[in-house]
């Protein structure tokens, strides 16, 4: 039976990491989990200590999410077989109950060996603004095949290898990888990936969404991820 190793990039994620890992524990109970890998980018809030306390493998040293993911994925690949799967998940995102059963069915289908699954984007905010953004993200994924990293990504290890893995970019490493996967090899899951709305609440939904859209447009026009990262926080 194939197993899942979960890769979580972190930077000062101490307040949310444990809750995220609790949502992943059902895969352990089902015998699906090959472990959790935390790729930390220099946290100063105790995240590495929490990761170790909760039984995670810890990878430190790389700075920037793309570099963290590349380093963490390399470590994860050293611990699993080619037919096992990597689940990439942000540390402030938790999966809804039952996600592991859906993931197991997805992984068991031969047709999905060269596909990647992603989860349904939701926010931990009950406002109508959050629901509107969720609908917009759902439309973006269906129309353009562009799920972001906060929706998770479940990908078979040998497929990840053939794609060339994550590039060590400070921004849009997730978009780069899903573009190489391609719209028709991306599979939408029904389980939810509930992500923190903190940044949207702090900046305002409209302002944050427009800022992200402008950055994405600049990326598609050829701007360097390093330059785009200077405008992102």
Protein backbone atom coordinates (compact mmCIF):
# COMPACT_ATOMS: atom_id res chain seq x y z
CA UNK A 1 0.00 0.00 0.00
CA UNK A 2 1.27 3.45 -0.88
CA UNK A 3 1.90 5.89 1.94
CA UNK A 4 1.92 9.67 2.29
CA UNK A 5 4.77 11.76 3.64
CA UNK A 6 3.63 15.29 4.46
CA UNK A 7 5.86 18.30 3.81
CA UNK A 8 5.15 21.53 5.67
CA UNK A 9 7.15 24.74 5.04
CA UNK A 10 7.19 26.89 8.17
CA UNK A 11 8.21 30.37 9.27
CA UNK A 12 7.05 31.41 12.75
CA UNK A 13 4.12 29.00 12.55
CA UNK A 14 4.14 27.93 16.19
CA UNK A 15 0.58 29.03 16.96
CA UNK A 16 -0.97 26.98 14.14
CA UNK A 17 1.32 24.03 13.49
CA UNK A 18 -0.14 21.72 16.12
CA UNK A 19 -3.69 22.25 14.84
CA UNK A 20 -2.57 21.45 11.31
CA UNK A 21 -0.85 18.27 12.45
CA UNK A 22 -3.98 17.22 14.33
CA UNK A 23 -5.88 17.28 11.04
CA UNK A 24 -3.20 15.06 9.47
CA UNK A 25 -3.30 12.48 12.26
CA UNK A 26 -6.17 10.55 10.68
CA UNK A 27 -3.73 9.34 7.99
CA UNK A 28 -1.59 7.88 10.77
CA UNK A 29 -4.57 6.09 12.25
CA UNK A 30 -5.38 4.65 8.82
CA UNK A 31 -1.82 3.41 8.34
CA UNK A 32 -1.23 5.81 5.43
CA UNK A 33 1.32 8.16 6.96
CA UNK A 34 5.05 7.85 6.31
CA UNK A 35 5.75 10.82 8.57
CA UNK A 36 5.78 14.61 8.66
CA UNK A 37 8.64 16.77 7.42
CA UNK A 38 8.84 20.38 8.59
CA UNK A 39 11.10 22.55 6.42
CA UNK A 40 11.75 25.62 8.54
CA UNK A 41 12.99 28.93 7.16
CA UNK A 42 14.49 30.42 10.32
CA UNK A 43 11.62 30.66 12.79
CA UNK A 44 12.24 32.59 15.99
CA UNK A 45 9.00 31.67 17.79
CA UNK A 46 9.81 28.11 18.82
CA UNK A 47 8.41 26.39 15.72
CA UNK A 48 11.39 23.97 15.42
CA UNK A 49 11.00 22.91 19.06
CA UNK A 50 7.28 22.34 18.58
CA UNK A 51 7.90 20.36 15.39
CA UNK A 52 10.34 18.06 17.16
CA UNK A 53 8.03 17.68 20.18
CA UNK A 54 5.20 16.59 17.90
CA UNK A 55 7.32 13.99 16.15
CA UNK A 56 8.19 15.76 12.91
CA UNK A 57 11.39 15.36 10.95
CA UNK A 58 12.99 18.80 10.86
CA UNK A 59 14.92 20.29 7.94
CA UNK A 60 16.54 23.66 8.64
CA UNK A 61 18.85 26.04 6.80
CA UNK A 62 17.02 26.99 3.60
CA UNK A 63 15.48 30.49 3.45
CA UNK A 64 12.38 31.27 1.41
CA UNK A 65 9.45 28.94 0.82
CA UNK A 66 10.62 27.55 -2.52
CA UNK A 67 14.06 26.73 -1.13
CA UNK A 68 12.47 25.22 1.98
CA UNK A 69 10.16 23.05 -0.13
CA UNK A 70 13.00 21.92 -2.38
CA UNK A 71 15.14 20.96 0.62
CA UNK A 72 12.24 19.36 2.47
CA UNK A 73 11.13 17.37 -0.57
CA UNK A 74 14.68 16.08 -1.11
CA UNK A 75 14.72 14.85 2.48
CA UNK A 76 11.24 13.35 2.14
CA UNK A 77 12.24 11.50 -1.03
CA UNK A 78 15.11 9.86 0.83
CA UNK A 79 12.59 8.26 3.20
CA UNK A 80 9.94 6.95 0.80
CA UNK A 81 9.57 4.73 -2.26
CA UNK A 82 8.88 5.90 -5.80
CA UNK A 83 5.26 4.74 -5.52
CA UNK A 84 4.63 6.68 -2.31
CA UNK A 85 3.11 10.15 -2.30
CA UNK A 86 4.14 13.60 -1.07
CA UNK A 87 1.50 15.87 0.45
CA UNK A 88 2.60 19.50 0.48
CA UNK A 89 0.62 21.59 2.95
CA UNK A 90 1.04 25.03 4.49
CA UNK A 91 1.42 25.09 8.26
CA UNK A 92 -1.64 27.35 8.70
CA UNK A 93 -3.90 25.03 6.69
CA UNK A 94 -5.84 22.10 8.09
CA UNK A 95 -7.66 19.43 6.12
CA UNK A 96 -11.28 18.52 6.79
CA UNK A 97 -12.26 15.19 8.39
CA UNK A 98 -12.30 12.32 5.91
CA UNK A 99 -9.57 13.74 3.69
CA UNK A 100 -7.37 10.66 4.11
CA UNK A 101 -10.05 8.30 2.78
CA UNK A 102 -10.44 10.43 -0.32
CA UNK A 103 -6.66 10.63 -0.70
CA UNK A 104 -6.35 6.83 -0.38
CA UNK A 105 -8.91 6.30 -3.15
CA UNK A 106 -7.13 8.85 -5.35
CA UNK A 107 -3.74 7.19 -4.82
CA UNK A 108 -5.10 3.70 -5.50
CA UNK A 109 -6.30 4.56 -9.03
CA UNK A 110 -3.71 3.71 -11.70
CA UNK A 111 -4.97 6.62 -13.81
CA UNK A 112 -3.75 9.03 -11.14
CA UNK A 113 -0.08 8.00 -11.18
CA UNK A 114 0.74 11.00 -13.34
CA UNK A 115 -1.73 13.37 -11.72
CA UNK A 116 -1.71 15.56 -8.63
CA UNK A 117 -4.64 16.24 -6.33
CA UNK A 118 -5.51 19.48 -4.58
CA UNK A 119 -8.13 20.36 -1.97
CA UNK A 120 -11.03 22.81 -1.91
CA UNK A 121 -9.96 26.23 -0.66
CA UNK A 122 -11.79 27.58 2.39
CA UNK A 123 -11.00 30.23 5.00
CA UNK A 124 -11.48 30.22 8.77
CA UNK A 125 -13.63 33.34 8.55
CA UNK A 126 -17.43 33.25 8.51
CA UNK A 127 -17.90 36.53 6.63
CA UNK A 128 -19.50 36.91 3.18
CA UNK A 129 -16.16 38.30 1.94
CA UNK A 130 -14.51 34.96 2.69
CA UNK A 131 -17.24 33.03 0.83
CA UNK A 132 -16.85 35.34 -2.18
CA UNK A 133 -13.09 34.75 -2.28
CA UNK A 134 -13.60 31.00 -1.98
CA UNK A 135 -15.90 31.05 -5.01
CA UNK A 136 -13.35 33.09 -6.95
CA UNK A 137 -10.58 30.60 -6.13
CA UNK A 138 -12.81 27.70 -7.19
CA UNK A 139 -13.45 29.46 -10.51
CA UNK A 140 -9.73 30.11 -11.01
CA UNK A 141 -8.90 26.46 -10.46
CA UNK A 142 -11.62 25.18 -12.82
CA UNK A 143 -10.90 27.71 -15.53
CA UNK A 144 -7.12 28.00 -15.48
CA UNK A 145 -5.93 24.98 -13.49
CA UNK A 146 -4.10 27.18 -10.97
CA UNK A 147 -4.52 25.94 -7.41
CA UNK A 148 -2.15 27.70 -5.02
CA UNK A 149 -0.05 26.19 -2.28
CA UNK A 150 -2.65 26.93 0.40
CA UNK A 151 -4.88 24.26 -1.20
CA UNK A 152 -2.35 21.52 -0.63
CA UNK A 153 -0.86 19.28 -3.30
CA UNK A 154 -0.81 15.48 -3.29
CA UNK A 155 1.66 14.10 -5.82
CA UNK A 156 3.26 10.72 -6.38
CA UNK A 157 7.00 10.72 -5.65
CA UNK A 158 8.19 9.48 -9.03
CA UNK A 159 5.93 11.95 -10.85
CA UNK A 160 7.36 14.75 -8.71
CA UNK A 161 10.86 13.59 -9.68
CA UNK A 162 10.08 13.56 -13.39
CA UNK A 163 8.67 17.08 -13.18
CA UNK A 164 11.90 18.34 -11.63
CA UNK A 165 10.42 19.26 -8.26
CA UNK A 166 10.17 22.68 -6.65
CA UNK A 167 12.44 25.45 -7.79
CA UNK A 168 14.11 27.36 -4.92
CA UNK A 169 12.15 30.52 -5.62
CA UNK A 170 11.02 32.95 -2.90
CA UNK A 171 7.56 33.28 -4.51
CA UNK A 172 5.33 31.46 -7.01
CA UNK A 173 7.16 28.16 -6.60
CA UNK A 174 3.69 26.62 -6.24
CA UNK A 175 2.36 28.18 -9.46
CA UNK A 176 5.49 27.10 -11.32
CA UNK A 177 5.03 23.47 -10.29
CA UNK A 178 1.30 23.26 -11.07
CA UNK A 179 1.94 24.81 -14.49
CA UNK A 180 4.40 22.00 -15.20
CA UNK A 181 1.81 19.49 -14.01
CA UNK A 182 -0.75 21.02 -16.35
CA UNK A 183 -4.48 21.68 -15.97
CA UNK A 184 -5.59 18.27 -17.25
CA UNK A 185 -3.36 16.40 -14.79
CA UNK A 186 -4.70 18.25 -11.74
CA UNK A 187 -7.49 16.58 -9.78
CA UNK A 188 -9.86 18.54 -7.49
CA UNK A 189 -10.62 16.85 -4.17
CA UNK A 190 -13.88 17.46 -2.32
CA UNK A 191 -12.17 17.62 1.10
CA UNK A 192 -11.54 21.14 2.33
CA UNK A 193 -8.23 22.86 2.99
CA UNK A 194 -9.15 25.48 5.60
CA UNK A 195 -6.56 28.24 5.60
CA UNK A 196 -5.99 31.12 7.99
CA UNK A 197 -7.66 34.35 6.89
CA UNK A 198 -5.31 36.48 9.01
CA UNK A 199 -3.56 38.19 6.09
CA UNK A 200 -6.86 39.02 4.38
CA UNK A 201 -8.31 40.39 7.62
CA UNK A 202 -5.19 42.46 8.29
CA UNK A 203 -4.89 43.94 4.78
CA UNK A 204 -8.53 43.87 3.73
CA UNK A 205 -9.93 41.30 1.31
CA UNK A 206 -10.08 43.61 -1.68
CA UNK A 207 -6.62 45.06 -1.18
CA UNK A 208 -4.97 41.69 -0.54
CA UNK A 209 -6.71 40.03 -3.49
CA UNK A 210 -5.76 42.83 -5.89
CA UNK A 211 -2.18 42.77 -4.67
CA UNK A 212 -1.95 39.02 -5.29
CA UNK A 213 -3.52 39.41 -8.73
CA UNK A 214 -1.03 42.12 -9.72
CA UNK A 215 1.88 39.95 -8.57
CA UNK A 216 0.54 37.00 -10.56
CA UNK A 217 0.17 39.16 -13.67
CA UNK A 218 3.74 40.40 -13.28
CA UNK A 219 4.92 36.81 -12.91
CA UNK A 220 3.19 35.76 -16.14
CA UNK A 221 4.73 38.77 -17.86
CA UNK A 222 8.18 37.51 -16.94
CA UNK A 223 9.12 39.29 -13.72
CA UNK A 224 11.72 37.55 -11.59
CA UNK A 225 10.31 35.80 -8.49
CA UNK A 226 13.04 37.45 -6.39
CA UNK A 227 11.79 40.89 -7.47
CA UNK A 228 8.16 39.93 -6.87
CA UNK A 229 8.98 38.70 -3.38
CA UNK A 230 10.05 42.22 -2.42
CA UNK A 231 6.46 43.36 -2.96
CA UNK A 232 4.94 40.45 -1.02
CA UNK A 233 4.62 39.87 2.67
